[in-house]
Amino acid sequence: GLFGALSNFTELIHFFKRYNKVVVPMLPLLDMDI
């Protein structure tokens, strides 16, 4: 989300990487031109 970071998904990644390819794109929320 808007104030999201990798820390938001730590437990989710740790659990599901055993069963899935877990992908977290770094959305450029604050890096795109206005």
PDB file of all heavy atoms in Angstrom:
ATOM      1  N   GLY A   1       0.803  -1.214   0.000  1.00  0.00           N
ATOM      2  CA  GLY A   1       0.000   0.000   0.000  1.00  0.00           C
ATOM      3  C   GLY A   1       0.835   1.263   0.000  1.00  0.00           C
ATOM      4  O   GLY A   1       2.059   1.233  -0.196  1.00  0.00           O
ATOM      5  N   LEU A   2       0.173   2.381   0.260  1.00  0.00           N
ATOM      6  CA  LEU A   2       0.789   3.702   0.144  1.00  0.00           C
ATOM      7  C   LEU A   2       1.979   3.883   1.077  1.00  0.00           C
ATOM      8  O   LEU A   2       2.987   4.475   0.711  1.00  0.00           O
ATOM      9  CB  LEU A   2      -0.271   4.781   0.412  1.00  0.00           C
ATOM     10  CG  LEU A   2       0.103   6.238   0.143  1.00  0.00           C
ATOM     11  CD1 LEU A   2       0.651   6.413  -1.266  1.00  0.00           C
ATOM     12  CD2 LEU A   2      -1.112   7.124   0.334  1.00  0.00           C
ATOM     13  N   PHE A   3       1.869   3.380   2.294  1.00  0.00           N
ATOM     14  CA  PHE A   3       2.979   3.463   3.235  1.00  0.00           C
ATOM     15  C   PHE A   3       3.590   2.086   3.464  1.00  0.00           C
ATOM     16  O   PHE A   3       4.225   1.824   4.473  1.00  0.00           O
ATOM     17  CB  PHE A   3       2.515   4.076   4.564  1.00  0.00           C
ATOM     18  CG  PHE A   3       2.134   5.518   4.436  1.00  0.00           C
ATOM     19  CD1 PHE A   3       0.809   5.887   4.307  1.00  0.00           C
ATOM     20  CD2 PHE A   3       3.104   6.507   4.421  1.00  0.00           C
ATOM     21  CE1 PHE A   3       0.444   7.221   4.166  1.00  0.00           C
ATOM     22  CE2 PHE A   3       2.758   7.844   4.286  1.00  0.00           C
ATOM     23  CZ  PHE A   3       1.428   8.202   4.161  1.00  0.00           C
ATOM     24  N   GLY A   4       3.371   1.217   2.483  1.00  0.00           N
ATOM     25  CA  GLY A   4       3.820  -0.165   2.619  1.00  0.00           C
ATOM     26  C   GLY A   4       5.318  -0.311   2.445  1.00  0.00           C
ATOM     27  O   GLY A   4       5.981   0.512   1.843  1.00  0.00           O
ATOM     28  N   ALA A   5       5.809  -1.405   2.998  1.00  0.00           N
ATOM     29  CA  ALA A   5       7.217  -1.758   2.869  1.00  0.00           C
ATOM     30  C   ALA A   5       7.315  -3.271   2.944  1.00  0.00           C
ATOM     31  O   ALA A   5       6.330  -3.963   3.219  1.00  0.00           O
ATOM     32  CB  ALA A   5       8.032  -1.102   3.984  1.00  0.00           C
ATOM     33  N   LEU A   6       8.504  -3.783   2.711  1.00  0.00           N
ATOM     34  CA  LEU A   6       8.695  -5.226   2.756  1.00  0.00           C
ATOM     35  C   LEU A   6       8.318  -5.807   4.111  1.00  0.00           C
ATOM     36  O   LEU A   6       7.850  -6.944   4.204  1.00  0.00           O
ATOM     37  CB  LEU A   6      10.157  -5.569   2.445  1.00  0.00           C
ATOM     38  CG  LEU A   6      10.570  -5.395   0.986  1.00  0.00           C
ATOM     39  CD1 LEU A   6      12.026  -5.748   0.815  1.00  0.00           C
ATOM     40  CD2 LEU A   6       9.716  -6.257   0.086  1.00  0.00           C
ATOM     41  N   SER A   7       8.492  -5.012   5.155  1.00  0.00           N
ATOM     42  CA  SER A   7       8.176  -5.491   6.498  1.00  0.00           C
ATOM     43  C   SER A   7       6.703  -5.888   6.627  1.00  0.00           C
ATOM     44  O   SER A   7       6.344  -6.722   7.457  1.00  0.00           O
ATOM     45  CB  SER A   7       8.525  -4.417   7.540  1.00  0.00           C
ATOM     46  OG  SER A   7       7.818  -3.215   7.259  1.00  0.00           O
ATOM     47  N   ASN A   8       5.848  -5.293   5.776  1.00  0.00           N
ATOM     48  CA  ASN A   8       4.421  -5.632   5.812  1.00  0.00           C
ATOM     49  C   ASN A   8       4.162  -7.089   5.469  1.00  0.00           C
ATOM     50  O   ASN A   8       3.181  -7.685   5.908  1.00  0.00           O
ATOM     51  CB  ASN A   8       3.632  -4.767   4.813  1.00  0.00           C
ATOM     52  CG  ASN A   8       3.660  -3.294   5.155  1.00  0.00           C
ATOM     53  OD1 ASN A   8       4.572  -2.819   5.813  1.00  0.00           O
ATOM     54  ND2 ASN A   8       2.672  -2.569   4.696  1.00  0.00           N
ATOM     55  N   PHE A   9       5.053  -7.657   4.655  1.00  0.00           N
ATOM     56  CA  PHE A   9       4.822  -8.998   4.112  1.00  0.00           C
ATOM     57  C   PHE A   9       5.794 -10.051   4.635  1.00  0.00           C
ATOM     58  O   PHE A   9       5.829 -11.157   4.109  1.00  0.00           O
ATOM     59  CB  PHE A   9       4.915  -8.951   2.587  1.00  0.00           C
ATOM     60  CG  PHE A   9       3.808  -8.190   1.906  1.00  0.00           C
ATOM     61  CD1 PHE A   9       4.103  -7.214   0.961  1.00  0.00           C
ATOM     62  CD2 PHE A   9       2.475  -8.439   2.187  1.00  0.00           C
ATOM     63  CE1 PHE A   9       3.090  -6.521   0.314  1.00  0.00           C
ATOM     64  CE2 PHE A   9       1.453  -7.750   1.552  1.00  0.00           C
ATOM     65  CZ  PHE A   9       1.765  -6.793   0.616  1.00  0.00           C
ATOM     66  N   THR A  10       6.578  -9.721   5.650  1.00  0.00           N
ATOM     67  CA  THR A  10       7.628 -10.624   6.113  1.00  0.00           C
ATOM     68  C   THR A  10       7.096 -12.017   6.433  1.00  0.00           C
ATOM     69  O   THR A  10       7.620 -13.031   5.935  1.00  0.00           O
ATOM     70  CB  THR A  10       8.329 -10.048   7.358  1.00  0.00           C
ATOM     71  OG1 THR A  10       8.917  -8.792   7.008  1.00  0.00           O
ATOM     72  CG2 THR A  10       9.428 -10.971   7.844  1.00  0.00           C
ATOM     73  N   GLU A  11       6.057 -12.092   7.265  1.00  0.00           N
ATOM     74  CA  GLU A  11       5.519 -13.395   7.677  1.00  0.00           C
ATOM     75  C   GLU A  11       4.889 -14.129   6.500  1.00  0.00           C
ATOM     76  O   GLU A  11       4.982 -15.351   6.390  1.00  0.00           O
ATOM     77  CB  GLU A  11       4.487 -13.206   8.796  1.00  0.00           C
ATOM     78  CG  GLU A  11       5.046 -12.623  10.079  1.00  0.00           C
ATOM     79  CD  GLU A  11       6.008 -13.568  10.776  1.00  0.00           C
ATOM     80  OE1 GLU A  11       5.884 -14.785  10.594  1.00  0.00           O
ATOM     81  OE2 GLU A  11       6.893 -13.072  11.495  1.00  0.00           O
ATOM     82  N   LEU A  12       4.252 -13.387   5.627  1.00  0.00           N
ATOM     83  CA  LEU A  12       3.597 -13.975   4.467  1.00  0.00           C
ATOM     84  C   LEU A  12       4.631 -14.589   3.513  1.00  0.00           C
ATOM     85  O   LEU A  12       4.465 -15.720   3.037  1.00  0.00           O
ATOM     86  CB  LEU A  12       2.770 -12.892   3.758  1.00  0.00           C
ATOM     87  CG  LEU A  12       1.637 -13.347   2.834  1.00  0.00           C
ATOM     88  CD1 LEU A  12       0.607 -12.234   2.693  1.00  0.00           C
ATOM     89  CD2 LEU A  12       2.155 -13.715   1.457  1.00  0.00           C
ATOM     90  N   ILE A  13       5.699 -13.852   3.243  1.00  0.00           N
ATOM     91  CA  ILE A  13       6.761 -14.371   2.367  1.00  0.00           C
ATOM     92  C   ILE A  13       7.369 -15.632   2.965  1.00  0.00           C
ATOM     93  O   ILE A  13       7.551 -16.646   2.277  1.00  0.00           O
ATOM     94  CB  ILE A  13       7.859 -13.308   2.140  1.00  0.00           C
ATOM     95  CG1 ILE A  13       7.304 -12.077   1.431  1.00  0.00           C
ATOM     96  CG2 ILE A  13       9.015 -13.892   1.315  1.00  0.00           C
ATOM     97  CD1 ILE A  13       8.245 -10.879   1.418  1.00  0.00           C
ATOM     98  N   HIS A  14       7.685 -15.561   4.242  1.00  0.00           N
ATOM     99  CA  HIS A  14       8.342 -16.681   4.925  1.00  0.00           C
ATOM    100  C   HIS A  14       7.490 -17.954   4.849  1.00  0.00           C
ATOM    101  O   HIS A  14       8.016 -19.056   4.646  1.00  0.00           O
ATOM    102  CB  HIS A  14       8.613 -16.319   6.384  1.00  0.00           C
ATOM    103  CG  HIS A  14       9.282 -17.399   7.166  1.00  0.00           C
ATOM    104  ND1 HIS A  14      10.582 -17.804   6.913  1.00  0.00           N
ATOM    105  CD2 HIS A  14       8.826 -18.187   8.176  1.00  0.00           C
ATOM    106  CE1 HIS A  14      10.897 -18.787   7.739  1.00  0.00           C
ATOM    107  NE2 HIS A  14       9.850 -19.044   8.515  1.00  0.00           N
ATOM    108  N   PHE A  15       6.179 -17.798   4.993  1.00  0.00           N
ATOM    109  CA  PHE A  15       5.285 -18.957   4.964  1.00  0.00           C
ATOM    110  C   PHE A  15       5.089 -19.492   3.552  1.00  0.00           C
ATOM    111  O   PHE A  15       5.219 -20.704   3.304  1.00  0.00           O
ATOM    112  CB  PHE A  15       3.931 -18.581   5.577  1.00  0.00           C
ATOM    113  CG  PHE A  15       2.946 -19.711   5.634  1.00  0.00           C
ATOM    114  CD1 PHE A  15       2.935 -20.575   6.717  1.00  0.00           C
ATOM    115  CD2 PHE A  15       2.027 -19.911   4.609  1.00  0.00           C
ATOM    116  CE1 PHE A  15       2.022 -21.631   6.773  1.00  0.00           C
ATOM    117  CE2 PHE A  15       1.117 -20.959   4.654  1.00  0.00           C
ATOM    118  CZ  PHE A  15       1.117 -21.822   5.744  1.00  0.00           C
ATOM    119  N   PHE A  16       4.786 -18.615   2.612  1.00  0.00           N
ATOM    120  CA  PHE A  16       4.362 -19.076   1.288  1.00  0.00           C
ATOM    121  C   PHE A  16       5.501 -19.398   0.329  1.00  0.00           C
ATOM    122  O   PHE A  16       5.262 -20.052  -0.692  1.00  0.00           O
ATOM    123  CB  PHE A  16       3.389 -18.061   0.666  1.00  0.00           C
ATOM    124  CG  PHE A  16       1.995 -18.196   1.208  1.00  0.00           C
ATOM    125  CD1 PHE A  16       1.566 -17.373   2.243  1.00  0.00           C
ATOM    126  CD2 PHE A  16       1.126 -19.155   0.732  1.00  0.00           C
ATOM    127  CE1 PHE A  16       0.293 -17.505   2.781  1.00  0.00           C
ATOM    128  CE2 PHE A  16      -0.147 -19.300   1.253  1.00  0.00           C
ATOM    129  CZ  PHE A  16      -0.568 -18.471   2.281  1.00  0.00           C
ATOM    130  N   LYS A  17       6.721 -19.005   0.641  1.00  0.00           N
ATOM    131  CA  LYS A  17       7.826 -19.347  -0.263  1.00  0.00           C
ATOM    132  C   LYS A  17       8.069 -20.858  -0.297  1.00  0.00           C
ATOM    133  O   LYS A  17       8.754 -21.353  -1.187  1.00  0.00           O
ATOM    134  CB  LYS A  17       9.100 -18.591   0.122  1.00  0.00           C
ATOM    135  CG  LYS A  17       9.730 -19.049   1.421  1.00  0.00           C
ATOM    136  CD  LYS A  17      11.006 -18.263   1.703  1.00  0.00           C
ATOM    137  CE  LYS A  17      11.683 -18.769   2.976  1.00  0.00           C
ATOM    138  NZ  LYS A  17      12.944 -18.031   3.246  1.00  0.00           N
ATOM    139  N   ARG A  18       7.486 -21.592   0.629  1.00  0.00           N
ATOM    140  CA  ARG A  18       7.578 -23.051   0.619  1.00  0.00           C
ATOM    141  C   ARG A  18       6.666 -23.669  -0.430  1.00  0.00           C
ATOM    142  O   ARG A  18       6.846 -24.829  -0.815  1.00  0.00           O
ATOM    143  CB  ARG A  18       7.215 -23.618   1.993  1.00  0.00           C
ATOM    144  CG  ARG A  18       8.194 -23.262   3.091  1.00  0.00           C
ATOM    145  CD  ARG A  18       7.710 -23.773   4.439  1.00  0.00           C
ATOM    146  NE  ARG A  18       6.600 -22.975   4.954  1.00  0.00           N
ATOM    147  CZ  ARG A  18       5.905 -23.294   6.050  1.00  0.00           C
ATOM    148  NH1 ARG A  18       6.186 -24.408   6.716  1.00  0.00           N
ATOM    149  NH2 ARG A  18       4.934 -22.508   6.467  1.00  0.00           N
ATOM    150  N   TYR A  19       5.671 -22.906  -0.869  1.00  0.00           N
ATOM    151  CA  TYR A  19       4.645 -23.463  -1.754  1.00  0.00           C
ATOM    152  C   TYR A  19       4.512 -22.718  -3.081  1.00  0.00           C
ATOM    153  O   TYR A  19       3.949 -23.261  -4.033  1.00  0.00           O
ATOM    154  CB  TYR A  19       3.282 -23.419  -1.053  1.00  0.00           C
ATOM    155  CG  TYR A  19       3.279 -23.989   0.333  1.00  0.00           C
ATOM    156  CD1 TYR A  19       3.289 -23.152   1.455  1.00  0.00           C
ATOM    157  CD2 TYR A  19       3.271 -25.364   0.539  1.00  0.00           C
ATOM    158  CE1 TYR A  19       3.271 -23.679   2.743  1.00  0.00           C
ATOM    159  CE2 TYR A  19       3.269 -25.901   1.826  1.00  0.00           C
ATOM    160  CZ  TYR A  19       3.272 -25.051   2.923  1.00  0.00           C
ATOM    161  OH  TYR A  19       3.272 -25.572   4.188  1.00  0.00           O
ATOM    162  N   ASN A  20       4.963 -21.486  -3.110  1.00  0.00           N
ATOM    163  CA  ASN A  20       4.771 -20.632  -4.287  1.00  0.00           C
ATOM    164  C   ASN A  20       6.038 -19.854  -4.594  1.00  0.00           C
ATOM    165  O   ASN A  20       6.919 -19.732  -3.747  1.00  0.00           O
ATOM    166  CB  ASN A  20       3.635 -19.624  -4.049  1.00  0.00           C
ATOM    167  CG  ASN A  20       2.295 -20.271  -3.841  1.00  0.00           C
ATOM    168  OD1 ASN A  20       1.936 -20.634  -2.728  1.00  0.00           O
ATOM    169  ND2 ASN A  20       1.545 -20.440  -4.914  1.00  0.00           N
ATOM    170  N   LYS A  21       6.079 -19.310  -5.800  1.00  0.00           N
ATOM    171  CA  LYS A  21       7.088 -18.299  -6.123  1.00  0.00           C
ATOM    172  C   LYS A  21       6.512 -16.965  -5.640  1.00  0.00           C
ATOM    173  O   LYS A  21       5.603 -16.407  -6.270  1.00  0.00           O
ATOM    174  CB  LYS A  21       7.361 -18.260  -7.622  1.00  0.00           C
ATOM    175  CG  LYS A  21       8.387 -17.214  -8.034  1.00  0.00           C
ATOM    176  CD  LYS A  21       8.602 -17.221  -9.545  1.00  0.00           C
ATOM    177  CE  LYS A  21       9.380 -18.456  -9.950  1.00  0.00           C
ATOM    178  NZ  LYS A  21       9.676 -18.469 -11.399  1.00  0.00           N
ATOM    179  N   VAL A  22       7.006 -16.467  -4.526  1.00  0.00           N
ATOM    180  CA  VAL A  22       6.471 -15.232  -3.953  1.00  0.00           C
ATOM    181  C   VAL A  22       7.218 -14.042  -4.556  1.00  0.00           C
ATOM    182  O   VAL A  22       8.446 -13.957  -4.470  1.00  0.00           O
ATOM    183  CB  VAL A  22       6.604 -15.222  -2.418  1.00  0.00           C
ATOM    184  CG1 VAL A  22       5.975 -13.963  -1.849  1.00  0.00           C
ATOM    185  CG2 VAL A  22       5.939 -16.458  -1.807  1.00  0.00           C
ATOM    186  N   VAL A  23       6.465 -13.143  -5.169  1.00  0.00           N
ATOM    187  CA  VAL A  23       7.042 -12.010  -5.903  1.00  0.00           C
ATOM    188  C   VAL A  23       6.516 -10.710  -5.287  1.00  0.00           C
ATOM    189  O   VAL A  23       5.303 -10.542  -5.119  1.00  0.00           O
ATOM    190  CB  VAL A  23       6.660 -12.067  -7.398  1.00  0.00           C
ATOM    191  CG1 VAL A  23       7.270 -10.882  -8.150  1.00  0.00           C
ATOM    192  CG2 VAL A  23       7.085 -13.386  -8.020  1.00  0.00           C
ATOM    193  N   VAL A  24       7.430  -9.819  -4.952  1.00  0.00           N
ATOM    194  CA  VAL A  24       7.035  -8.511  -4.422  1.00  0.00           C
ATOM    195  C   VAL A  24       7.684  -7.420  -5.276  1.00  0.00           C
ATOM    196  O   VAL A  24       8.859  -7.087  -5.091  1.00  0.00           O
ATOM    197  CB  VAL A  24       7.451  -8.325  -2.951  1.00  0.00           C
ATOM    198  CG1 VAL A  24       6.809  -7.057  -2.379  1.00  0.00           C
ATOM    199  CG2 VAL A  24       7.097  -9.537  -2.104  1.00  0.00           C
ATOM    200  N   PRO A  25       6.961  -6.872  -6.252  1.00  0.00           N
ATOM    201  CA  PRO A  25       7.517  -5.747  -7.012  1.00  0.00           C
ATOM    202  C   PRO A  25       7.564  -4.499  -6.137  1.00  0.00           C
ATOM    203  O   PRO A  25       6.630  -4.231  -5.380  1.00  0.00           O
ATOM    204  CB  PRO A  25       6.539  -5.578  -8.174  1.00  0.00           C
ATOM    205  CG  PRO A  25       5.255  -6.166  -7.689  1.00  0.00           C
ATOM    206  CD  PRO A  25       5.605  -7.233  -6.698  1.00  0.00           C
ATOM    207  N   MET A  26       8.649  -3.750  -6.226  1.00  0.00           N
ATOM    208  CA  MET A  26       8.759  -2.491  -5.483  1.00  0.00           C
ATOM    209  C   MET A  26       8.012  -1.412  -6.276  1.00  0.00           C
ATOM    210  O   MET A  26       8.554  -0.843  -7.234  1.00  0.00           O
ATOM    211  CB  MET A  26      10.229  -2.081  -5.320  1.00  0.00           C
ATOM    212  CG  MET A  26      11.148  -3.157  -4.751  1.00  0.00           C
ATOM    213  SD  MET A  26      10.882  -3.447  -3.009  1.00  0.00           S
ATOM    214  CE  MET A  26      10.090  -5.034  -3.070  1.00  0.00           C
ATOM    215  N   LEU A  27       6.771  -1.182  -5.917  1.00  0.00           N
ATOM    216  CA  LEU A  27       5.982  -0.191  -6.652  1.00  0.00           C
ATOM    217  C   LEU A  27       6.571   1.204  -6.431  1.00  0.00           C
ATOM    218  O   LEU A  27       6.792   1.608  -5.290  1.00  0.00           O
ATOM    219  CB  LEU A  27       4.527  -0.222  -6.188  1.00  0.00           C
ATOM    220  CG  LEU A  27       3.772  -1.535  -6.425  1.00  0.00           C
ATOM    221  CD1 LEU A  27       2.361  -1.439  -5.850  1.00  0.00           C
ATOM    222  CD2 LEU A  27       3.714  -1.875  -7.911  1.00  0.00           C
ATOM    223  N   PRO A  28       6.810   1.947  -7.514  1.00  0.00           N
ATOM    224  CA  PRO A  28       7.460   3.265  -7.392  1.00  0.00           C
ATOM    225  C   PRO A  28       6.462   4.354  -6.992  1.00  0.00           C
ATOM    226  O   PRO A  28       6.279   5.344  -7.709  1.00  0.00           O
ATOM    227  CB  PRO A  28       8.006   3.492  -8.804  1.00  0.00           C
ATOM    228  CG  PRO A  28       7.000   2.818  -9.689  1.00  0.00           C
ATOM    229  CD  PRO A  28       6.521   1.612  -8.921  1.00  0.00           C
ATOM    230  N   LEU A  29       5.846   4.179  -5.834  1.00  0.00           N
ATOM    231  CA  LEU A  29       4.775   5.085  -5.407  1.00  0.00           C
ATOM    232  C   LEU A  29       5.216   6.537  -5.402  1.00  0.00           C
ATOM    233  O   LEU A  29       4.459   7.436  -5.772  1.00  0.00           O
ATOM    234  CB  LEU A  29       4.296   4.701  -4.005  1.00  0.00           C
ATOM    235  CG  LEU A  29       3.776   3.271  -3.812  1.00  0.00           C
ATOM    236  CD1 LEU A  29       3.385   3.053  -2.357  1.00  0.00           C
ATOM    237  CD2 LEU A  29       2.592   2.995  -4.716  1.00  0.00           C
ATOM    238  N   LEU A  30       6.442   6.762  -4.950  1.00  0.00           N
ATOM    239  CA  LEU A  30       6.909   8.136  -4.760  1.00  0.00           C
ATOM    240  C   LEU A  30       8.061   8.488  -5.697  1.00  0.00           C
ATOM    241  O   LEU A  30       8.721   9.496  -5.507  1.00  0.00           O
ATOM    242  CB  LEU A  30       7.330   8.331  -3.294  1.00  0.00           C
ATOM    243  CG  LEU A  30       6.252   7.949  -2.267  1.00  0.00           C
ATOM    244  CD1 LEU A  30       6.786   8.047  -0.850  1.00  0.00           C
ATOM    245  CD2 LEU A  30       5.006   8.807  -2.433  1.00  0.00           C
ATOM    246  N   ASP A  31       8.268   7.649  -6.711  1.00  0.00           N
ATOM    247  CA  ASP A  31       9.388   7.866  -7.626  1.00  0.00           C
ATOM    248  C   ASP A  31       8.966   8.192  -9.052  1.00  0.00           C
ATOM    249  O   ASP A  31       9.801   8.546  -9.885  1.00  0.00           O
ATOM    250  CB  ASP A  31      10.295   6.619  -7.647  1.00  0.00           C
ATOM    251  CG  ASP A  31      10.902   6.338  -6.281  1.00  0.00           C
ATOM    252  OD1 ASP A  31      11.282   7.312  -5.607  1.00  0.00           O
ATOM    253  OD2 ASP A  31      10.976   5.165  -5.891  1.00  0.00           O
ATOM    254  N   MET A  32       7.669   8.059  -9.361  1.00  0.00           N
ATOM    255  CA  MET A  32       7.212   8.402 -10.703  1.00  0.00           C
ATOM    256  C   MET A  32       7.066   9.911 -10.832  1.00  0.00           C
ATOM    257  O   MET A  32       6.923  10.611  -9.825  1.00  0.00           O
ATOM    258  CB  MET A  32       5.868   7.728 -10.991  1.00  0.00           C
ATOM    259  CG  MET A  32       5.934   6.207 -11.024  1.00  0.00           C
ATOM    260  SD  MET A  32       4.391   5.442 -11.599  1.00  0.00           S
ATOM    261  CE  MET A  32       3.252   5.899 -10.311  1.00  0.00           C
ATOM    262  N   ASP A  33       7.094  10.403 -12.082  1.00  0.00           N
ATOM    263  CA  ASP A  33       6.855  11.834 -12.249  1.00  0.00           C
ATOM    264  C   ASP A  33       5.410  12.119 -11.874  1.00  0.00           C
ATOM    265  O   ASP A  33       4.544  11.244 -11.922  1.00  0.00           O
ATOM    266  CB  ASP A  33       7.171  12.279 -13.675  1.00  0.00           C
ATOM    267  CG  ASP A  33       6.222  11.673 -14.703  1.00  0.00           C
ATOM    268  OD1 ASP A  33       5.087  12.155 -14.822  1.00  0.00           O
ATOM    269  OD2 ASP A  33       6.626  10.691 -15.369  1.00  0.00           O
ATOM    270  N   ILE A  34       5.147  13.341 -11.487  1.00  0.00           N
ATOM    271  CA  ILE A  34       3.859  13.693 -10.884  1.00  0.00           C
ATOM    272  C   ILE A  34       2.686  13.427 -11.836  1.00  0.00           C
ATOM    273  O   ILE A  34       1.590  13.074 -11.396  1.00  0.00           O
ATOM    274  CB  ILE A  34       3.854  15.176 -10.404  1.00  0.00           C
ATOM    275  CG1 ILE A  34       2.661  15.443  -9.460  1.00  0.00           C
ATOM    276  CG2 ILE A  34       3.869  16.125 -11.575  1.00  0.00           C
ATOM    277  CD1 ILE A  34       2.731  14.732  -8.142  1.00  0.00           C
TER     278      ILE A  34
END
